[in-house]
Protein backbone atom coordinates (compact mmCIF):
# COMPACT_ATOMS: atom_id res chain seq x y z
CA UNK A 1 29.05 3.59 -5.11
CA UNK A 2 26.03 3.94 -7.42
CA UNK A 3 26.72 0.74 -9.05
CA UNK A 4 26.89 -1.02 -5.73
CA UNK A 5 23.40 0.41 -4.86
CA UNK A 6 22.00 -0.60 -8.23
CA UNK A 7 23.06 -4.16 -7.84
CA UNK A 8 21.65 -4.18 -4.30
CA UNK A 9 18.33 -3.09 -6.06
CA UNK A 10 18.62 -5.82 -8.53
CA UNK A 11 19.42 -8.22 -5.74
CA UNK A 12 16.23 -7.32 -3.92
CA UNK A 13 13.95 -7.54 -7.01
CA UNK A 14 15.33 -10.96 -8.01
CA UNK A 15 15.13 -12.31 -4.58
CA UNK A 16 11.60 -11.18 -4.06
CA UNK A 17 10.67 -12.50 -7.57
CA UNK A 18 11.80 -15.85 -6.45
CA UNK A 19 10.14 -15.60 -3.15
CA UNK A 20 6.96 -14.87 -4.92
CA UNK A 21 7.32 -17.50 -7.51
CA UNK A 22 7.24 -20.15 -4.58
CA UNK A 23 10.66 -20.87 -3.60
CA UNK A 24 11.38 -21.33 0.12
CA UNK A 25 12.79 -18.24 1.92
CA UNK A 26 15.59 -20.13 3.36
CA UNK A 27 17.00 -21.21 -0.09
CA UNK A 28 16.48 -17.80 -1.62
CA UNK A 29 18.26 -16.25 1.36
CA UNK A 30 20.99 -18.72 1.26
CA UNK A 31 21.60 -17.89 -2.60
CA UNK A 32 21.55 -14.25 -2.03
CA UNK A 33 23.48 -14.12 1.22
CA UNK A 34 21.06 -12.33 3.14
CA UNK A 35 18.93 -13.28 6.22
CA UNK A 36 15.25 -14.59 6.17
CA UNK A 37 14.28 -11.94 8.20
CA UNK A 38 15.75 -9.42 5.58
CA UNK A 39 13.81 -10.92 2.86
CA UNK A 40 10.68 -10.70 4.87
CA UNK A 41 11.45 -6.98 5.45
CA UNK A 42 12.15 -6.30 1.97
CA UNK A 43 8.81 -7.64 1.04
CA UNK A 44 6.97 -5.84 3.53
CA UNK A 45 8.60 -2.60 2.50
CA UNK A 46 7.50 -3.39 -1.11
CA UNK A 47 3.87 -4.23 -0.14
CA UNK A 48 3.84 -0.72 1.86
CA UNK A 49 4.86 1.16 -1.35
CA UNK A 50 2.26 -0.41 -3.58
CA UNK A 51 -0.47 0.29 -1.01
CA UNK A 52 0.62 3.86 -1.02
CA UNK A 53 0.57 3.96 -4.86
CA UNK A 54 -2.73 2.24 -4.83
CA UNK A 55 -4.11 4.73 -2.43
CA UNK A 56 -2.75 7.75 -4.57
CA UNK A 57 -4.34 6.02 -7.80
CA UNK A 58 -7.65 5.46 -5.92
CA UNK A 59 -7.69 9.15 -4.58
CA UNK A 60 -7.08 10.37 -8.11
CA UNK A 61 -9.87 8.38 -9.39
CA UNK A 62 -12.39 9.43 -6.74
CA UNK A 63 -11.25 13.11 -7.33
CA UNK A 64 -12.17 12.77 -11.21
CA UNK A 65 -15.41 11.09 -10.34
CA UNK A 66 -16.22 13.73 -7.82
CA UNK A 67 -15.61 16.43 -10.53
CA UNK A 68 -17.64 14.64 -13.07
CA UNK A 69 -20.62 14.27 -10.60
CA UNK A 70 -20.55 17.85 -9.51
CA UNK A 71 -20.69 18.84 -13.36
CA UNK A 72 -23.67 16.54 -13.84
CA UNK A 73 -25.36 17.85 -10.76
CA UNK A 74 -24.92 21.59 -12.09
CA UNK A 75 -26.30 20.54 -15.39
CA UNK A 76 -29.39 18.77 -13.95
CA UNK A 77 -30.10 21.81 -11.67
CA UNK A 78 -29.99 24.07 -14.43
CA UNK A 79 -32.27 21.82 -16.51
CA UNK A 80 -34.66 21.79 -13.53
CA UNK A 81 -34.70 25.54 -13.09
CA UNK A 82 -35.42 26.08 -16.92
CA UNK A 83 -38.21 23.51 -16.94
CA UNK A 84 -39.77 25.04 -13.76
CA UNK A 85 -39.58 28.48 -15.22
CA UNK A 86 -41.15 27.09 -18.39
CA UNK A 87 -43.90 25.51 -16.46
CA UNK A 88 -44.66 28.70 -14.54
CA UNK A 89 -44.97 30.73 -17.75
CA UNK A 90 -47.46 28.07 -18.98
CA UNK A 91 -49.63 28.12 -15.77
CA UNK A 92 -49.73 31.92 -15.79
CA UNK A 93 -50.66 31.94 -19.48
CA UNK A 94 -53.59 29.49 -19.08
CA UNK A 95 -55.29 31.58 -16.10
């Protein structure tokens, strides 16, 4: 049973590769023994899965960037507070 599922997945991959290579859907469907509609359904599922993965990668990238920016903001705030305190001491010392 698992062997049959594996060959089905291989069949999907090869059919979609041929379809993406520019072969006509009718010829590919006839060669693999499936309908043209099935080919387009397989391709739609693959595209949906790719978008989901791309979305997850994008989210992960944004989270990393957000973390980096928050860290940088904290450093700049500390620098600002330090410089402001030093300036206040200088102003008080001159008077």
